[in-house]
Amino acid sequence: MRKYLTLILSFVLMSAFIIGCSDDDDSSPTGLTSEPNISVSPANLEFGTVQVGESAELDLTISNGGDADLVIFDISTTGDYFSDDFTAEVTVTPNSNSIVTVSFAPESGGEFSGSLTITSNDPDNETVTVTLTGTSSTGIITGDLTVDATSYTDWVYFSFSQGAVITVEAPMTSNAWDLGLLRNHFRTNSGTSGNGQGGVYDAGVVNFASITEAPADGYAADDSIEVIDQNSMPPEYIWIPGSSVLDEAFVMSGGMPPSIDPTNHIYIIRTGDGKYAKVWFKNYYNVEGNSGHISIQYAYQSDDGRSLE
């Protein structure tokens, strides 16, 4: 009888132990609570250089490497000209991801930075922050140079887009050049000098930096200018194609040889392909005092707009 009772007691204790073990277990084989695990890629968003008035977009991937749903409660973006397309709470299931698109649309030039913060139910990373950087360009190309225009017979042709004197075989039909120079005489790619979209606007004696936008109209096409014919003897004046407006960029005074000095007018030149540059003809002599070396300061708008700052 005692042996029988011992067997019954052993059976009861074994059953209690099994039930107790079963109560301690949960849905996870290891007994651990299921959790989401957030990660983002890339860690930072670098937009590079974007022209003012344009925009760039980059995708940020939000992944869930956990074994429970990841709930993205909110995404907030700070910093000038940065934004995102997050609109409502998003659930990301385990081993899947969600994409958020971030935009950079600068309205002024400079270097910009910001941040994007993700708020979620990840217990270890309730907030994740991504750094945003971008640079904007206004499309302005500036230059301060001296052009050798010492020849009395051969024009030299300057391109603002290339920032240099270029070789032009047929000036009347080429849109590649923007400004022609022959000592103190000038041409634009327009009217009698060329078939381009050029022209010139005289802004007068003003501060160079004060010209922030090219006028929409009022540009004078080339007509005729009076120059000395070096092939005649004695030399005589003849009329040739050129800009009578730009012919006032320098003034001649004194005896022989005369002194040629800038009038310090600021000119807006419309280029052969219809873009704009503000120009200041600063000197007629180089540092050695040799004439026909034209010192020019300019700011060229390489985009399609009329902004010059």
Protein backbone atom coordinates (compact mmCIF):
# COMPACT_ATOMS: atom_id res chain seq x y z
CA MET A 1 0.00 0.00 0.00
CA ARG A 2 2.82 2.39 0.93
CA LYS A 3 4.48 1.71 -2.43
CA TYR A 4 1.24 2.51 -4.20
CA LEU A 5 0.89 5.86 -2.40
CA THR A 6 4.49 6.71 -3.22
CA LEU A 7 3.81 6.17 -6.92
CA ILE A 8 0.71 8.39 -6.81
CA LEU A 9 2.61 11.16 -5.01
CA SER A 10 5.44 11.00 -7.56
CA PHE A 11 2.93 11.26 -10.41
CA VAL A 12 1.27 14.34 -8.85
CA LEU A 13 4.59 16.10 -8.29
CA MET A 14 5.73 15.39 -11.86
CA SER A 15 2.48 16.76 -13.28
CA ALA A 16 2.79 19.95 -11.21
CA PHE A 17 6.33 20.43 -12.44
CA ILE A 18 5.27 20.03 -16.09
CA ILE A 19 2.36 22.45 -15.66
CA GLY A 20 4.64 24.96 -13.95
CA CYS A 21 7.12 24.83 -16.82
CA SER A 22 4.31 25.28 -19.32
CA ASP A 23 3.04 28.39 -17.48
CA ASP A 24 6.48 30.01 -17.54
CA ASP A 25 6.80 29.68 -21.32
CA ASP A 26 5.49 32.33 -23.81
CA SER A 27 5.09 32.50 -27.57
CA SER A 28 8.83 33.00 -28.06
CA PRO A 29 10.90 29.78 -28.00
CA THR A 30 13.55 31.56 -25.97
CA GLY A 31 11.16 33.17 -23.58
CA LEU A 32 12.10 36.72 -24.82
CA THR A 33 9.55 39.44 -25.69
CA SER A 34 9.21 40.24 -29.43
CA GLU A 35 10.43 43.73 -30.40
CA PRO A 36 10.89 45.85 -33.53
CA ASN A 37 14.41 46.90 -34.52
CA ILE A 38 14.75 50.08 -36.61
CA SER A 39 17.62 50.94 -38.96
CA VAL A 40 18.01 53.57 -41.67
CA SER A 41 20.04 53.75 -44.88
CA PRO A 42 21.94 55.83 -45.72
CA ALA A 43 22.94 57.23 -42.34
CA ASN A 44 23.19 60.77 -43.81
CA LEU A 45 21.70 62.42 -46.90
CA GLU A 46 24.09 64.58 -48.94
CA PHE A 47 22.40 66.44 -51.81
CA GLY A 48 25.53 67.97 -53.34
CA THR A 49 25.07 71.16 -55.37
CA VAL A 50 21.61 72.16 -56.59
CA GLN A 51 20.83 75.26 -58.65
CA VAL A 52 18.62 77.89 -57.04
CA GLY A 53 15.05 77.40 -58.25
CA GLU A 54 15.55 73.68 -58.86
CA SER A 55 15.12 70.72 -56.51
CA ALA A 56 16.72 67.35 -55.78
CA GLU A 57 15.26 64.27 -54.12
CA LEU A 58 16.88 61.42 -52.18
CA ASP A 59 15.25 58.29 -50.73
CA LEU A 60 15.77 57.18 -47.14
CA THR A 61 15.08 53.50 -46.41
CA ILE A 62 13.65 52.66 -42.97
CA SER A 63 14.02 48.94 -42.21
CA ASN A 64 12.64 46.69 -39.47
CA GLY A 65 15.04 43.93 -38.50
CA GLY A 66 13.04 42.84 -35.46
CA ASP A 67 10.35 40.23 -34.93
CA ALA A 68 7.47 42.63 -34.16
CA ASP A 69 5.80 45.40 -36.10
CA LEU A 70 7.67 48.70 -36.25
CA VAL A 71 5.32 51.67 -36.04
CA ILE A 72 6.65 54.98 -37.36
CA PHE A 73 4.70 57.62 -35.48
CA ASP A 74 6.23 60.72 -36.97
CA ILE A 75 8.98 62.07 -39.23
CA SER A 76 10.02 65.70 -38.85
CA THR A 77 12.52 67.66 -40.96
CA THR A 78 14.36 70.82 -39.95
CA GLY A 79 16.67 73.15 -41.92
CA ASP A 80 16.09 75.69 -44.68
CA TYR A 81 14.76 74.25 -47.96
CA PHE A 82 14.61 70.60 -46.76
CA SER A 83 11.31 68.70 -46.67
CA ASP A 84 9.93 65.12 -46.66
CA ASP A 85 6.84 63.34 -47.98
CA PHE A 86 5.76 61.67 -44.71
CA THR A 87 2.03 62.26 -44.13
CA ALA A 88 0.68 59.62 -41.69
CA GLU A 89 1.68 56.84 -39.31
CA VAL A 90 3.25 53.84 -41.02
CA THR A 91 3.59 50.22 -39.88
CA VAL A 92 6.60 48.25 -41.08
CA THR A 93 6.33 44.51 -40.61
CA PRO A 94 9.36 42.40 -39.58
CA ASN A 95 12.08 42.05 -42.23
CA SER A 96 10.57 44.70 -44.47
CA ASN A 97 11.12 48.41 -45.07
CA SER A 98 9.48 51.71 -45.92
CA ILE A 99 10.78 54.55 -48.10
CA VAL A 100 10.57 58.25 -47.29
CA THR A 101 11.58 60.79 -49.93
CA VAL A 102 13.48 63.88 -48.80
CA SER A 103 13.73 67.01 -50.97
CA PHE A 104 16.16 69.93 -51.14
CA ALA A 105 14.80 72.98 -53.03
CA PRO A 106 17.03 76.01 -52.36
CA GLU A 107 15.74 79.51 -53.00
CA SER A 108 19.06 81.26 -52.31
CA GLY A 109 22.73 80.47 -52.67
CA GLY A 110 24.90 78.99 -49.93
CA GLU A 111 25.61 75.89 -47.87
CA PHE A 112 22.72 74.41 -45.90
CA SER A 113 22.27 71.71 -43.28
CA GLY A 114 19.36 70.19 -41.44
CA SER A 115 18.11 67.01 -39.85
CA LEU A 116 15.37 64.42 -40.20
CA THR A 117 14.07 62.78 -37.01
CA ILE A 118 12.11 59.52 -37.00
CA THR A 119 9.94 58.67 -33.96
CA SER A 120 8.89 55.02 -33.61
CA ASN A 121 7.96 52.26 -31.14
CA ASP A 122 11.45 50.73 -31.14
CA PRO A 123 12.13 50.52 -27.36
CA ASP A 124 15.88 50.89 -27.85
CA ASN A 125 15.75 53.71 -30.43
CA GLU A 126 12.61 55.74 -29.98
CA THR A 127 14.11 58.51 -32.14
CA VAL A 128 16.61 58.21 -34.97
CA THR A 129 18.19 61.33 -36.53
CA VAL A 130 19.61 61.64 -40.04
CA THR A 131 21.84 64.59 -41.00
CA LEU A 132 20.92 66.54 -44.18
CA THR A 133 23.38 68.68 -46.16
CA GLY A 134 23.19 70.55 -49.45
CA THR A 135 24.78 73.40 -51.37
CA SER A 136 22.99 75.72 -53.76
CA SER A 137 24.37 77.68 -56.67
CA THR A 138 22.88 80.77 -58.29
CA GLY A 139 24.53 79.95 -61.62
CA ILE A 140 26.68 83.09 -61.43
CA ILE A 141 30.20 82.87 -62.85
CA THR A 142 32.45 85.81 -62.01
CA GLY A 143 35.68 86.97 -63.60
CA ASP A 144 38.27 89.72 -63.33
CA LEU A 145 40.76 89.57 -66.19
CA THR A 146 42.68 91.47 -68.84
CA VAL A 147 42.09 90.91 -72.56
CA ASP A 148 44.86 91.62 -75.06
CA ALA A 149 43.12 93.80 -77.65
CA THR A 150 46.25 95.57 -78.87
CA SER A 151 45.78 94.84 -82.56
CA TYR A 152 44.55 97.74 -84.70
CA THR A 153 43.14 95.37 -87.35
CA ASP A 154 42.20 92.00 -85.82
CA TRP A 155 39.23 91.68 -83.51
CA VAL A 156 39.43 89.30 -80.54
CA TYR A 157 36.28 87.53 -79.37
CA PHE A 158 35.42 86.69 -75.78
CA SER A 159 33.03 84.03 -74.47
CA PHE A 160 31.52 84.52 -71.02
CA SER A 161 30.54 80.86 -70.74
CA GLN A 162 34.16 79.82 -71.32
CA GLY A 163 35.64 82.78 -69.50
CA ALA A 164 38.24 83.26 -72.21
CA VAL A 165 39.10 84.63 -75.64
CA ILE A 166 38.09 82.10 -78.29
CA THR A 167 38.84 81.57 -81.95
CA VAL A 168 35.91 82.46 -84.20
CA GLU A 169 36.13 81.72 -87.91
CA ALA A 170 32.83 83.33 -88.92
CA PRO A 171 31.69 85.95 -86.36
CA MET A 172 28.53 86.84 -88.30
CA THR A 173 27.12 83.32 -88.06
CA SER A 174 28.61 82.04 -84.79
CA ASN A 175 26.76 82.23 -81.47
CA ALA A 176 29.84 81.10 -79.55
CA TRP A 177 31.18 84.61 -78.90
CA ASP A 178 29.64 87.35 -76.77
CA LEU A 179 31.98 90.34 -76.83
CA GLY A 180 34.33 91.53 -79.56
CA LEU A 181 37.28 93.82 -78.74
CA LEU A 182 39.51 95.98 -80.95
CA ARG A 183 41.52 98.28 -78.70
CA ASN A 184 38.88 100.64 -77.22
CA HIS A 185 36.12 99.47 -79.60
CA PHE A 186 33.58 96.72 -78.94
CA ARG A 187 30.99 94.48 -80.55
CA THR A 188 28.15 92.37 -79.24
CA ASN A 189 26.79 89.35 -81.08
CA SER A 190 23.89 91.28 -82.57
CA GLY A 191 22.74 93.62 -85.32
CA THR A 192 25.48 94.51 -87.81
CA SER A 193 28.09 92.42 -85.99
CA GLY A 194 26.47 89.01 -85.66
CA ASN A 195 23.33 86.91 -85.93
CA GLY A 196 23.22 86.08 -82.21
CA GLN A 197 20.76 87.20 -79.55
CA GLY A 198 23.20 89.78 -78.15
CA GLY A 199 22.88 93.44 -77.28
CA VAL A 200 23.92 95.91 -74.61
CA TYR A 201 22.19 97.95 -71.91
CA ASP A 202 23.97 100.96 -70.35
CA ALA A 203 23.22 101.02 -66.61
CA GLY A 204 25.28 104.18 -66.11
CA VAL A 205 27.75 104.97 -63.36
CA VAL A 206 26.47 102.76 -60.55
CA ASN A 207 27.96 100.39 -58.02
CA PHE A 208 28.79 97.10 -59.74
CA ALA A 209 27.29 95.07 -56.87
CA SER A 210 24.04 97.05 -56.99
CA ILE A 211 23.08 95.44 -60.32
CA THR A 212 21.30 92.31 -59.12
CA GLU A 213 19.11 91.55 -62.14
CA ALA A 214 19.42 92.12 -65.87
CA PRO A 215 16.63 94.21 -67.43
CA ALA A 216 14.10 92.30 -69.50
CA ASP A 217 14.39 94.70 -72.44
CA GLY A 218 16.06 97.91 -73.59
CA TYR A 219 19.09 96.29 -75.21
CA ALA A 220 20.74 98.06 -78.15
CA ALA A 221 21.84 95.96 -81.09
CA ASP A 222 25.10 96.76 -82.86
CA ASP A 223 25.09 99.50 -85.47
CA SER A 224 28.20 101.36 -86.73
CA ILE A 225 31.29 102.79 -85.09
CA GLU A 226 34.07 105.03 -86.40
CA VAL A 227 37.62 103.65 -86.31
CA ILE A 228 40.98 104.52 -87.85
CA ASP A 229 41.71 102.65 -91.08
CA GLN A 230 45.28 101.47 -90.62
CA ASN A 231 45.48 100.38 -94.28
CA SER A 232 45.19 103.92 -95.61
CA MET A 233 48.04 106.39 -95.73
CA PRO A 234 47.67 108.72 -94.13
CA PRO A 235 45.27 106.85 -91.79
CA GLU A 236 41.67 107.99 -92.01
CA TYR A 237 38.43 107.26 -90.17
CA ILE A 238 35.98 104.71 -91.55
CA TRP A 239 32.66 103.28 -90.36
CA ILE A 240 32.47 99.57 -89.49
CA PRO A 241 30.03 97.29 -87.62
CA GLY A 242 30.22 97.70 -83.85
CA SER A 243 28.44 98.89 -80.72
CA SER A 244 28.05 102.64 -80.52
CA VAL A 245 26.85 102.20 -76.91
CA LEU A 246 30.01 100.40 -75.82
CA ASP A 247 32.12 102.89 -77.73
CA GLU A 248 31.45 105.19 -74.77
CA ALA A 249 33.09 102.78 -72.29
CA PHE A 250 36.34 104.77 -72.55
CA VAL A 251 36.97 108.47 -73.02
CA MET A 252 39.97 110.00 -74.78
CA SER A 253 41.63 113.15 -73.45
CA GLY A 254 44.94 115.05 -73.51
CA GLY A 255 47.51 115.50 -76.24
CA MET A 256 49.49 113.04 -78.31
CA PRO A 257 49.38 110.29 -77.45
CA PRO A 258 46.05 110.85 -75.74
CA SER A 259 45.09 109.29 -72.43
CA ILE A 260 42.27 106.76 -72.61
CA ASP A 261 40.34 106.30 -69.38
CA PRO A 262 37.25 104.31 -68.39
CA THR A 263 33.95 106.11 -67.91
CA ASN A 264 33.11 103.48 -65.24
CA HIS A 265 29.69 102.79 -66.69
CA ILE A 266 28.31 99.34 -65.86
CA TYR A 267 26.93 97.53 -68.90
CA ILE A 268 24.57 94.58 -69.12
CA ILE A 269 25.54 92.49 -72.12
CA ARG A 270 23.13 89.97 -73.55
CA THR A 271 25.18 87.09 -74.90
CA GLY A 272 25.07 85.38 -78.25
CA ASP A 273 22.78 82.67 -76.87
CA GLY A 274 20.53 85.03 -74.91
CA LYS A 275 22.05 84.89 -71.42
CA TYR A 276 23.23 87.90 -69.41
CA ALA A 277 26.41 89.37 -67.94
CA LYS A 278 27.12 92.61 -66.13
CA VAL A 279 30.44 94.13 -67.19
CA TRP A 280 32.75 96.84 -65.91
CA PHE A 281 35.56 98.01 -68.21
CA LYS A 282 38.07 99.09 -65.57
CA ASN A 283 41.27 99.96 -67.41
CA TYR A 284 42.78 100.40 -70.86
CA TYR A 285 46.39 99.79 -69.78
CA ASN A 286 48.18 96.86 -68.21
CA VAL A 287 50.47 97.15 -65.20
CA GLU A 288 53.40 98.06 -67.49
CA GLY A 289 51.38 100.94 -68.92
CA ASN A 290 50.90 99.37 -72.36
CA SER A 291 47.66 100.37 -74.10
CA GLY A 292 45.03 98.06 -75.56
CA HIS A 293 45.00 95.69 -72.58
CA ILE A 294 41.36 95.86 -71.46
CA SER A 295 40.74 95.08 -67.79
CA ILE A 296 37.25 93.62 -67.36
CA GLN A 297 35.24 92.61 -64.32
CA TYR A 298 32.07 90.62 -64.98
CA ALA A 299 29.38 88.46 -63.46
CA TYR A 300 27.75 86.02 -65.90
CA GLN A 301 24.45 84.21 -65.38
CA SER A 302 25.00 80.72 -66.76
CA ASP A 303 21.36 79.69 -66.21
CA ASP A 304 18.29 80.87 -68.08
CA GLY A 305 17.27 83.55 -65.58
CA ARG A 306 18.20 87.23 -65.33
CA SER A 307 19.56 87.18 -61.78
CA LEU A 308 23.07 88.62 -61.49
CA GLU A 309 23.79 87.97 -57.80
